[in-house]
Amino acid sequence: MAGGSAGKSGKKPTRPGPPGLTAVARYLAETRTPLTAAALTLPLLCIYGLGTLLLPSARNGADLLTSSLAMGFSALGWAGWRPWAGFYGALIVINLGIVVWLSRRARISLNMLPPLLLECACYAVLTGTASDWLTDQVLDAARMHLALVPLANSTAVGSLTGLVISAGAGLHEELLFRLVGIGAIARVWLGASWRDNAGRVVALALLSSLIFAGVHHLAEPFTWGAMVFRTVAGLVFAALYLARGFAVAAWTHALYDVWILVILAR
């Protein structure tokens, strides 16, 4: 039943934020919600889904989901663009449905996207810098005992292909290794208050980061440099997921890959 003044004016009542919250605090709180995660990662899904139709070379199989899909489609005898269009078309529809369903109880402002992208761009640069430094420290300490190969440079790709690959990697890998590999497993294992069990969550973050690093070597030769670097990067993404939510982790990962594959590769 509509309230008196709202019913007379025809205006939809706004949902005030919690009392006492500043604009920054409200932004930090709202960007962690499931509605924000679903809405603000939808562009990544659209970029990758549509991009792989226009640029089949972007299906590089570097992330576990893409390579698994490629093998599955091949085993079923499905070739060409149609299985990819069907799969990602269904995901986009499902994502939109989730956004519509969640928006019945909460609201999201698209004005959050620009500051979120700026925040994630800063994290992306810091992720690369911190991972490089920590990798060097670990490898320098171990070189006396192990024959280590330095971290190989990323293969250059075209700018558009790099953007599509980055969107897919950021979305798929954060979905698999952070949202499922940490959040979902921790909730099942430790219950609704899983965030209170810091020791086990850290152990789960480390395990998911090691698996995240290891699966990349299913498609490329193993080197200690790459393994250590990606493990450290995985821990950074895990920390972002735990502290800032799925949308921030996914966009940071995607923008980091843009920095590596598009900007630095020029």
C-alpha atoms as a PDB file:
ATOM      1  CA  MET A   1       0.000   0.000   0.000  1.00  0.00           C
ATOM      2  CA  ALA A   2       1.506   3.320  -1.070  1.00  0.00           C
ATOM      3  CA  GLY A   3       2.044   6.100   1.440  1.00  0.00           C
ATOM      4  CA  GLY A   4      -0.050   9.263   1.270  1.00  0.00           C
ATOM      5  CA  SER A   5       2.359  11.836  -0.199  1.00  0.00           C
ATOM      6  CA  ALA A   6       4.150   9.354  -2.438  1.00  0.00           C
ATOM      7  CA  GLY A   7       0.855   8.108  -3.833  1.00  0.00           C
ATOM      8  CA  LYS A   8      -0.352  11.628  -4.560  1.00  0.00           C
ATOM      9  CA  SER A   9       2.798  12.838  -6.268  1.00  0.00           C
ATOM     10  CA  GLY A  10       3.379   9.623  -8.208  1.00  0.00           C
ATOM     11  CA  LYS A  11       7.064   9.712  -7.300  1.00  0.00           C
ATOM     12  CA  LYS A  12       8.845   6.555  -6.240  1.00  0.00           C
ATOM     13  CA  PRO A  13      10.155   6.975  -2.695  1.00  0.00           C
ATOM     14  CA  THR A  14      13.906   7.037  -2.403  1.00  0.00           C
ATOM     15  CA  ARG A  15      15.757   4.746  -0.053  1.00  0.00           C
ATOM     16  CA  PRO A  16      17.800   6.866   2.352  1.00  0.00           C
ATOM     17  CA  GLY A  17      21.191   5.580   3.320  1.00  0.00           C
ATOM     18  CA  PRO A  18      21.994   4.634   6.897  1.00  0.00           C
ATOM     19  CA  PRO A  19      22.099   7.692   9.161  1.00  0.00           C
ATOM     20  CA  GLY A  20      25.471   9.274   9.728  1.00  0.00           C
ATOM     21  CA  LEU A  21      27.151   7.815   6.652  1.00  0.00           C
ATOM     22  CA  THR A  22      29.231  10.140   4.527  1.00  0.00           C
ATOM     23  CA  ALA A  23      29.179   9.900   0.729  1.00  0.00           C
ATOM     24  CA  VAL A  24      32.472   7.966   0.776  1.00  0.00           C
ATOM     25  CA  ALA A  25      31.262   5.562   3.455  1.00  0.00           C
ATOM     26  CA  ARG A  26      28.010   5.018   1.540  1.00  0.00           C
ATOM     27  CA  TYR A  27      29.982   4.328  -1.645  1.00  0.00           C
ATOM     28  CA  LEU A  28      32.229   1.832   0.156  1.00  0.00           C
ATOM     29  CA  ALA A  29      29.211   0.073   1.648  1.00  0.00           C
ATOM     30  CA  GLU A  30      27.055  -0.036  -1.485  1.00  0.00           C
ATOM     31  CA  THR A  31      29.830  -1.263  -3.792  1.00  0.00           C
ATOM     32  CA  ARG A  32      30.035  -4.428  -1.680  1.00  0.00           C
ATOM     33  CA  THR A  33      26.372  -5.410  -2.094  1.00  0.00           C
ATOM     34  CA  PRO A  34      25.176  -8.327  -4.293  1.00  0.00           C
ATOM     35  CA  LEU A  35      23.141  -5.883  -6.408  1.00  0.00           C
ATOM     36  CA  THR A  36      26.239  -3.814  -7.156  1.00  0.00           C
ATOM     37  CA  ALA A  37      28.279  -6.925  -7.940  1.00  0.00           C
ATOM     38  CA  ALA A  38      25.647  -8.130 -10.412  1.00  0.00           C
ATOM     39  CA  ALA A  39      25.062  -4.737 -12.025  1.00  0.00           C
ATOM     40  CA  LEU A  40      28.608  -3.419 -12.263  1.00  0.00           C
ATOM     41  CA  THR A  41      30.116  -6.656 -13.574  1.00  0.00           C
ATOM     42  CA  LEU A  42      27.461  -6.932 -16.308  1.00  0.00           C
ATOM     43  CA  PRO A  43      29.581  -4.721 -18.650  1.00  0.00           C
ATOM     44  CA  LEU A  44      32.472  -7.201 -18.342  1.00  0.00           C
ATOM     45  CA  LEU A  45      30.145 -10.051 -19.273  1.00  0.00           C
ATOM     46  CA  CYS A  46      28.793  -8.121 -22.279  1.00  0.00           C
ATOM     47  CA  ILE A  47      32.263  -7.079 -23.461  1.00  0.00           C
ATOM     48  CA  TYR A  48      33.551 -10.640 -23.357  1.00  0.00           C
ATOM     49  CA  GLY A  49      30.387 -12.309 -24.639  1.00  0.00           C
ATOM     50  CA  LEU A  50      29.981  -9.971 -27.612  1.00  0.00           C
ATOM     51  CA  GLY A  51      33.723  -9.598 -28.111  1.00  0.00           C
ATOM     52  CA  THR A  52      34.297 -13.312 -28.587  1.00  0.00           C
ATOM     53  CA  LEU A  53      31.670 -13.332 -31.353  1.00  0.00           C
ATOM     54  CA  LEU A  54      33.401 -10.508 -33.226  1.00  0.00           C
ATOM     55  CA  LEU A  55      36.951 -11.595 -32.345  1.00  0.00           C
ATOM     56  CA  PRO A  56      37.147 -15.404 -32.060  1.00  0.00           C
ATOM     57  CA  SER A  57      40.896 -15.099 -31.403  1.00  0.00           C
ATOM     58  CA  ALA A  58      39.999 -13.657 -27.984  1.00  0.00           C
ATOM     59  CA  ARG A  59      38.924 -17.144 -26.914  1.00  0.00           C
ATOM     60  CA  ASN A  60      42.508 -17.782 -25.949  1.00  0.00           C
ATOM     61  CA  GLY A  61      41.717 -20.423 -23.348  1.00  0.00           C
ATOM     62  CA  ALA A  62      43.887 -18.635 -20.792  1.00  0.00           C
ATOM     63  CA  ASP A  63      41.164 -18.780 -18.168  1.00  0.00           C
ATOM     64  CA  LEU A  64      39.709 -22.041 -16.923  1.00  0.00           C
ATOM     65  CA  LEU A  65      36.108 -21.318 -17.898  1.00  0.00           C
ATOM     66  CA  THR A  66      36.913 -20.387 -21.498  1.00  0.00           C
ATOM     67  CA  SER A  67      39.154 -23.411 -22.033  1.00  0.00           C
ATOM     68  CA  SER A  68      36.567 -25.720 -20.430  1.00  0.00           C
ATOM     69  CA  LEU A  69      33.837 -24.306 -22.657  1.00  0.00           C
ATOM     70  CA  ALA A  70      35.993 -24.732 -25.761  1.00  0.00           C
ATOM     71  CA  MET A  71      36.682 -28.384 -24.895  1.00  0.00           C
ATOM     72  CA  GLY A  72      33.047 -29.017 -24.069  1.00  0.00           C
ATOM     73  CA  PHE A  73      31.750 -27.498 -27.300  1.00  0.00           C
ATOM     74  CA  SER A  74      34.337 -29.459 -29.286  1.00  0.00           C
ATOM     75  CA  ALA A  75      33.378 -32.738 -27.580  1.00  0.00           C
ATOM     76  CA  LEU A  76      29.729 -32.120 -28.439  1.00  0.00           C
ATOM     77  CA  GLY A  77      30.611 -31.299 -32.029  1.00  0.00           C
ATOM     78  CA  TRP A  78      29.440 -27.707 -31.690  1.00  0.00           C
ATOM     79  CA  ALA A  79      31.503 -25.426 -33.902  1.00  0.00           C
ATOM     80  CA  GLY A  80      31.363 -21.783 -34.880  1.00  0.00           C
ATOM     81  CA  TRP A  81      29.838 -18.855 -33.057  1.00  0.00           C
ATOM     82  CA  ARG A  82      26.411 -20.280 -32.153  1.00  0.00           C
ATOM     83  CA  PRO A  83      27.335 -22.169 -28.930  1.00  0.00           C
ATOM     84  CA  TRP A  84      29.247 -19.149 -27.662  1.00  0.00           C
ATOM     85  CA  ALA A  85      26.355 -16.834 -28.502  1.00  0.00           C
ATOM     86  CA  GLY A  86      23.891 -19.163 -26.769  1.00  0.00           C
ATOM     87  CA  PHE A  87      26.000 -19.553 -23.629  1.00  0.00           C
ATOM     88  CA  TYR A  88      26.862 -15.895 -23.113  1.00  0.00           C
ATOM     89  CA  GLY A  89      23.430 -14.746 -24.246  1.00  0.00           C
ATOM     90  CA  ALA A  90      21.922 -16.928 -21.518  1.00  0.00           C
ATOM     91  CA  LEU A  91      24.390 -15.581 -18.939  1.00  0.00           C
ATOM     92  CA  ILE A  92      23.548 -11.978 -19.843  1.00  0.00           C
ATOM     93  CA  VAL A  93      19.813 -12.676 -19.523  1.00  0.00           C
ATOM     94  CA  ILE A  94      20.366 -14.408 -16.167  1.00  0.00           C
ATOM     95  CA  ASN A  95      22.528 -11.533 -14.932  1.00  0.00           C
ATOM     96  CA  LEU A  96      19.881  -8.994 -15.966  1.00  0.00           C
ATOM     97  CA  GLY A  97      17.246 -11.082 -14.204  1.00  0.00           C
ATOM     98  CA  ILE A  98      19.312 -11.079 -11.005  1.00  0.00           C
ATOM     99  CA  VAL A  99      19.742  -7.295 -11.202  1.00  0.00           C
ATOM    100  CA  VAL A 100      15.985  -6.766 -11.707  1.00  0.00           C
ATOM    101  CA  TRP A 101      15.119  -9.149  -8.875  1.00  0.00           C
ATOM    102  CA  LEU A 102      17.583  -7.591  -6.413  1.00  0.00           C
ATOM    103  CA  SER A 103      16.573  -4.043  -7.385  1.00  0.00           C
ATOM    104  CA  ARG A 104      13.090  -4.671  -5.986  1.00  0.00           C
ATOM    105  CA  ARG A 105      14.536  -4.355  -2.482  1.00  0.00           C
ATOM    106  CA  ALA A 106      17.438  -1.991  -3.053  1.00  0.00           C
ATOM    107  CA  ARG A 107      18.639   0.633  -5.450  1.00  0.00           C
ATOM    108  CA  ILE A 108      21.838   1.132  -7.346  1.00  0.00           C
ATOM    109  CA  SER A 109      23.166   4.314  -8.889  1.00  0.00           C
ATOM    110  CA  LEU A 110      25.184   4.110 -12.082  1.00  0.00           C
ATOM    111  CA  ASN A 111      27.068   7.128 -10.761  1.00  0.00           C
ATOM    112  CA  MET A 112      29.093   4.616  -8.741  1.00  0.00           C
ATOM    113  CA  LEU A 113      30.702   3.180 -11.882  1.00  0.00           C
ATOM    114  CA  PRO A 114      33.203   6.032 -12.638  1.00  0.00           C
ATOM    115  CA  PRO A 115      34.655   6.161  -9.091  1.00  0.00           C
ATOM    116  CA  LEU A 116      34.712   2.364  -8.986  1.00  0.00           C
ATOM    117  CA  LEU A 117      36.710   2.262 -12.229  1.00  0.00           C
ATOM    118  CA  LEU A 118      39.111   4.880 -10.887  1.00  0.00           C
ATOM    119  CA  GLU A 119      39.527   2.954  -7.633  1.00  0.00           C
ATOM    120  CA  CYS A 120      40.123  -0.297  -9.517  1.00  0.00           C
ATOM    121  CA  ALA A 121      42.617   1.339 -11.910  1.00  0.00           C
ATOM    122  CA  CYS A 122      44.685   2.445  -8.909  1.00  0.00           C
ATOM    123  CA  TYR A 123      44.512  -1.051  -7.446  1.00  0.00           C
ATOM    124  CA  ALA A 124      45.510  -2.534 -10.818  1.00  0.00           C
ATOM    125  CA  VAL A 125      48.722  -0.516 -10.963  1.00  0.00           C
ATOM    126  CA  LEU A 126      49.477  -1.267  -7.317  1.00  0.00           C
ATOM    127  CA  THR A 127      48.797  -4.975  -7.889  1.00  0.00           C
ATOM    128  CA  GLY A 128      51.378  -5.155 -10.657  1.00  0.00           C
ATOM    129  CA  THR A 129      53.949  -3.147  -8.707  1.00  0.00           C
ATOM    130  CA  ALA A 130      53.498  -5.082  -5.462  1.00  0.00           C
ATOM    131  CA  SER A 131      53.428  -8.469  -7.194  1.00  0.00           C
ATOM    132  CA  ASP A 132      56.597  -7.671  -9.151  1.00  0.00           C
ATOM    133  CA  TRP A 133      58.428  -6.555  -6.003  1.00  0.00           C
ATOM    134  CA  LEU A 134      57.299  -9.489  -3.853  1.00  0.00           C
ATOM    135  CA  THR A 135      58.079 -11.960  -6.621  1.00  0.00           C
ATOM    136  CA  ASP A 136      61.596 -10.568  -6.912  1.00  0.00           C
ATOM    137  CA  GLN A 137      62.072 -10.881  -3.145  1.00  0.00           C
ATOM    138  CA  VAL A 138      60.889 -14.499  -3.082  1.00  0.00           C
ATOM    139  CA  LEU A 139      62.907 -15.536  -6.126  1.00  0.00           C
ATOM    140  CA  ASP A 140      66.072 -13.751  -5.030  1.00  0.00           C
ATOM    141  CA  ALA A 141      65.889 -15.595  -1.710  1.00  0.00           C
ATOM    142  CA  ALA A 142      65.393 -18.947  -3.445  1.00  0.00           C
ATOM    143  CA  ARG A 143      67.841 -18.681  -6.333  1.00  0.00           C
ATOM    144  CA  MET A 144      70.643 -20.172  -4.257  1.00  0.00           C
ATOM    145  CA  HIS A 145      68.643 -23.376  -3.906  1.00  0.00           C
ATOM    146  CA  LEU A 146      66.554 -23.654  -7.068  1.00  0.00           C
ATOM    147  CA  ALA A 147      67.105 -23.180 -10.779  1.00  0.00           C
ATOM    148  CA  LEU A 148      64.561 -20.443 -11.455  1.00  0.00           C
ATOM    149  CA  VAL A 149      63.461 -18.969 -14.775  1.00  0.00           C
ATOM    150  CA  PRO A 150      62.503 -15.259 -14.682  1.00  0.00           C
ATOM    151  CA  LEU A 151      58.884 -14.314 -15.234  1.00  0.00           C
ATOM    152  CA  ALA A 152      58.211 -14.348 -18.960  1.00  0.00           C
ATOM    153  CA  ASN A 153      56.759 -11.274 -20.657  1.00  0.00           C
ATOM    154  CA  SER A 154      53.162 -11.462 -21.857  1.00  0.00           C
ATOM    155  CA  THR A 155      52.617 -12.092 -25.540  1.00  0.00           C
ATOM    156  CA  ALA A 156      51.461  -8.965 -27.344  1.00  0.00           C
ATOM    157  CA  VAL A 157      47.955  -9.014 -28.785  1.00  0.00           C
ATOM    158  CA  GLY A 158      45.864  -6.492 -30.662  1.00  0.00           C
ATOM    159  CA  SER A 159      44.255  -3.759 -28.574  1.00  0.00           C
ATOM    160  CA  LEU A 160      40.651  -4.892 -29.107  1.00  0.00           C
ATOM    161  CA  THR A 161      41.550  -8.540 -28.562  1.00  0.00           C
ATOM    162  CA  GLY A 162      43.420  -7.568 -25.406  1.00  0.00           C
ATOM    163  CA  LEU A 163      40.389  -5.684 -24.077  1.00  0.00           C
ATOM    164  CA  VAL A 164      38.115  -8.674 -24.683  1.00  0.00           C
ATOM    165  CA  ILE A 165      40.568 -11.148 -23.125  1.00  0.00           C
ATOM    166  CA  SER A 166      40.984  -8.855 -20.109  1.00  0.00           C
ATOM    167  CA  ALA A 167      37.227  -8.577 -19.546  1.00  0.00           C
ATOM    168  CA  GLY A 168      36.838 -12.354 -19.680  1.00  0.00           C
ATOM    169  CA  ALA A 169      39.812 -13.077 -17.432  1.00  0.00           C
ATOM    170  CA  GLY A 170      38.741 -10.516 -14.846  1.00  0.00           C
ATOM    171  CA  LEU A 171      35.174 -11.802 -14.707  1.00  0.00           C
ATOM    172  CA  HIS A 172      35.776 -15.551 -15.046  1.00  0.00           C
ATOM    173  CA  GLU A 173      38.800 -15.880 -12.774  1.00  0.00           C
ATOM    174  CA  GLU A 174      37.394 -13.732  -9.983  1.00  0.00           C
ATOM    175  CA  LEU A 175      34.111 -15.632 -10.228  1.00  0.00           C
ATOM    176  CA  LEU A 176      35.834 -19.028  -9.986  1.00  0.00           C
ATOM    177  CA  PHE A 177      38.716 -18.351  -7.619  1.00  0.00           C
ATOM    178  CA  ARG A 178      37.408 -15.605  -5.355  1.00  0.00           C
ATOM    179  CA  LEU A 179      33.576 -15.618  -5.338  1.00  0.00           C
ATOM    180  CA  VAL A 180      33.323 -19.426  -5.468  1.00  0.00           C
ATOM    181  CA  GLY A 181      36.826 -20.453  -4.354  1.00  0.00           C
ATOM    182  CA  ILE A 182      36.727 -18.292  -1.227  1.00  0.00           C
ATOM    183  CA  GLY A 183      33.255 -16.872  -0.577  1.00  0.00           C
ATOM    184  CA  ALA A 184      31.002 -19.791  -1.489  1.00  0.00           C
ATOM    185  CA  ILE A 185      33.286 -22.500  -0.078  1.00  0.00           C
ATOM    186  CA  ALA A 186      33.860 -20.545   3.140  1.00  0.00           C
ATOM    187  CA  ARG A 187      30.128 -20.050   3.621  1.00  0.00           C
ATOM    188  CA  VAL A 188      29.449 -23.776   3.179  1.00  0.00           C
ATOM    189  CA  TRP A 189      32.445 -24.785   5.315  1.00  0.00           C
ATOM    190  CA  LEU A 190      32.243 -22.190   8.087  1.00  0.00           C
ATOM    191  CA  GLY A 191      28.633 -20.986   7.965  1.00  0.00           C
ATOM    192  CA  ALA A 192      27.107 -17.532   7.621  1.00  0.00           C
ATOM    193  CA  SER A 193      29.674 -15.961   9.985  1.00  0.00           C
ATOM    194  CA  TRP A 194      32.629 -17.264   7.950  1.00  0.00           C
ATOM    195  CA  ARG A 195      34.306 -13.853   7.882  1.00  0.00           C
ATOM    196  CA  ASP A 196      34.869 -14.081  11.635  1.00  0.00           C
ATOM    197  CA  ASN A 197      37.202 -17.084  11.199  1.00  0.00           C
ATOM    198  CA  ALA A 198      40.217 -15.170   9.917  1.00  0.00           C
ATOM    199  CA  GLY A 199      42.733 -18.031  10.057  1.00  0.00           C
ATOM    200  CA  ARG A 200      40.722 -20.429   7.926  1.00  0.00           C
ATOM    201  CA  VAL A 201      39.718 -17.704   5.471  1.00  0.00           C
ATOM    202  CA  VAL A 202      43.386 -16.758   4.983  1.00  0.00           C
ATOM    203  CA  ALA A 203      44.263 -20.434   4.450  1.00  0.00           C
ATOM    204  CA  LEU A 204      41.458 -20.712   1.894  1.00  0.00           C
ATOM    205  CA  ALA A 205      42.661 -17.533   0.157  1.00  0.00           C
ATOM    206  CA  LEU A 206      46.187 -18.963  -0.074  1.00  0.00           C
ATOM    207  CA  LEU A 207      44.935 -22.294  -1.426  1.00  0.00           C
ATOM    208  CA  SER A 208      42.718 -20.610  -4.029  1.00  0.00           C
ATOM    209  CA  SER A 209      45.630 -18.369  -5.068  1.00  0.00           C
ATOM    210  CA  LEU A 210      47.932 -21.369  -5.542  1.00  0.00           C
ATOM    211  CA  ILE A 211      45.277 -23.099  -7.670  1.00  0.00           C
ATOM    212  CA  PHE A 212      44.692 -19.839  -9.577  1.00  0.00           C
ATOM    213  CA  ALA A 213      48.400 -19.651 -10.377  1.00  0.00           C
ATOM    214  CA  GLY A 214      48.720 -23.341 -11.164  1.00  0.00           C
ATOM    215  CA  VAL A 215      45.877 -23.602 -13.696  1.00  0.00           C
ATOM    216  CA  HIS A 216      47.578 -21.037 -15.913  1.00  0.00           C
ATOM    217  CA  HIS A 217      50.306 -23.602 -16.497  1.00  0.00           C
ATOM    218  CA  LEU A 218      47.819 -25.966 -18.079  1.00  0.00           C
ATOM    219  CA  ALA A 219      48.150 -23.759 -21.148  1.00  0.00           C
ATOM    220  CA  GLU A 220      51.766 -22.591 -20.831  1.00  0.00           C
ATOM    221  CA  PRO A 221      55.144 -23.958 -19.682  1.00  0.00           C
ATOM    222  CA  PHE A 222      55.782 -23.897 -15.941  1.00  0.00           C
ATOM    223  CA  THR A 223      58.228 -21.356 -14.535  1.00  0.00           C
ATOM    224  CA  TRP A 224      58.796 -20.529 -10.893  1.00  0.00           C
ATOM    225  CA  GLY A 225      58.713 -16.826 -11.707  1.00  0.00           C
ATOM    226  CA  ALA A 226      55.218 -17.006 -13.221  1.00  0.00           C
ATOM    227  CA  MET A 227      53.968 -19.302 -10.459  1.00  0.00           C
ATOM    228  CA  VAL A 228      55.144 -17.043  -7.643  1.00  0.00           C
ATOM    229  CA  PHE A 229      53.984 -13.866  -9.401  1.00  0.00           C
ATOM    230  CA  ARG A 230      50.463 -15.194 -10.003  1.00  0.00           C
ATOM    231  CA  THR A 231      50.190 -16.578  -6.480  1.00  0.00           C
ATOM    232  CA  VAL A 232      51.052 -13.156  -5.078  1.00  0.00           C
ATOM    233  CA  ALA A 233      48.644 -11.481  -7.494  1.00  0.00           C
ATOM    234  CA  GLY A 234      45.964 -13.989  -6.492  1.00  0.00           C
ATOM    235  CA  LEU A 235      46.455 -13.075  -2.839  1.00  0.00           C
ATOM    236  CA  VAL A 236      46.078  -9.387  -3.729  1.00  0.00           C
ATOM    237  CA  PHE A 237      42.846 -10.096  -5.604  1.00  0.00           C
ATOM    238  CA  ALA A 238      41.665 -12.237  -2.673  1.00  0.00           C
ATOM    239  CA  ALA A 239      42.326  -9.363  -0.262  1.00  0.00           C
ATOM    240  CA  LEU A 240      40.395  -6.991  -2.526  1.00  0.00           C
ATOM    241  CA  TYR A 241      37.497  -9.434  -2.743  1.00  0.00           C
ATOM    242  CA  LEU A 242      37.345  -9.823   1.031  1.00  0.00           C
ATOM    243  CA  ALA A 243      37.743  -6.115   1.759  1.00  0.00           C
ATOM    244  CA  ARG A 244      35.896  -4.480  -1.157  1.00  0.00           C
ATOM    245  CA  GLY A 245      33.697  -7.123  -2.765  1.00  0.00           C
ATOM    246  CA  PHE A 246      33.396  -9.021  -6.033  1.00  0.00           C
ATOM    247  CA  ALA A 247      32.820  -6.053  -8.376  1.00  0.00           C
ATOM    248  CA  VAL A 248      36.019  -4.310  -7.254  1.00  0.00           C
ATOM    249  CA  ALA A 249      38.075  -7.526  -7.512  1.00  0.00           C
ATOM    250  CA  ALA A 250      36.750  -8.325 -11.007  1.00  0.00           C
ATOM    251  CA  TRP A 251      37.285  -4.820 -12.405  1.00  0.00           C
ATOM    252  CA  THR A 252      40.747  -4.553 -10.813  1.00  0.00           C
ATOM    253  CA  HIS A 253      41.746  -7.871 -12.411  1.00  0.00           C
ATOM    254  CA  ALA A 254      40.344  -6.815 -15.795  1.00  0.00           C
ATOM    255  CA  LEU A 255      42.048  -3.397 -15.731  1.00  0.00           C
ATOM    256  CA  TYR A 256      45.332  -4.986 -14.635  1.00  0.00           C
ATOM    257  CA  ASP A 257      45.186  -7.297 -17.665  1.00  0.00           C
ATOM    258  CA  VAL A 258      44.405  -4.285 -19.897  1.00  0.00           C
ATOM    259  CA  TRP A 259      47.514  -2.606 -18.506  1.00  0.00           C
ATOM    260  CA  ILE A 260      49.645  -5.683 -19.277  1.00  0.00           C
ATOM    261  CA  LEU A 261      48.136  -6.841 -22.578  1.00  0.00           C
ATOM    262  CA  VAL A 262      47.232  -3.515 -24.176  1.00  0.00           C
ATOM    263  CA  ILE A 263      49.171  -0.624 -22.648  1.00  0.00           C
ATOM    264  CA  LEU A 264      52.561  -2.116 -21.717  1.00  0.00           C
ATOM    265  CA  ALA A 265      52.586  -4.458 -24.728  1.00  0.00           C
ATOM    266  CA  ARG A 266      52.659  -1.581 -27.202  1.00  0.00           C
END
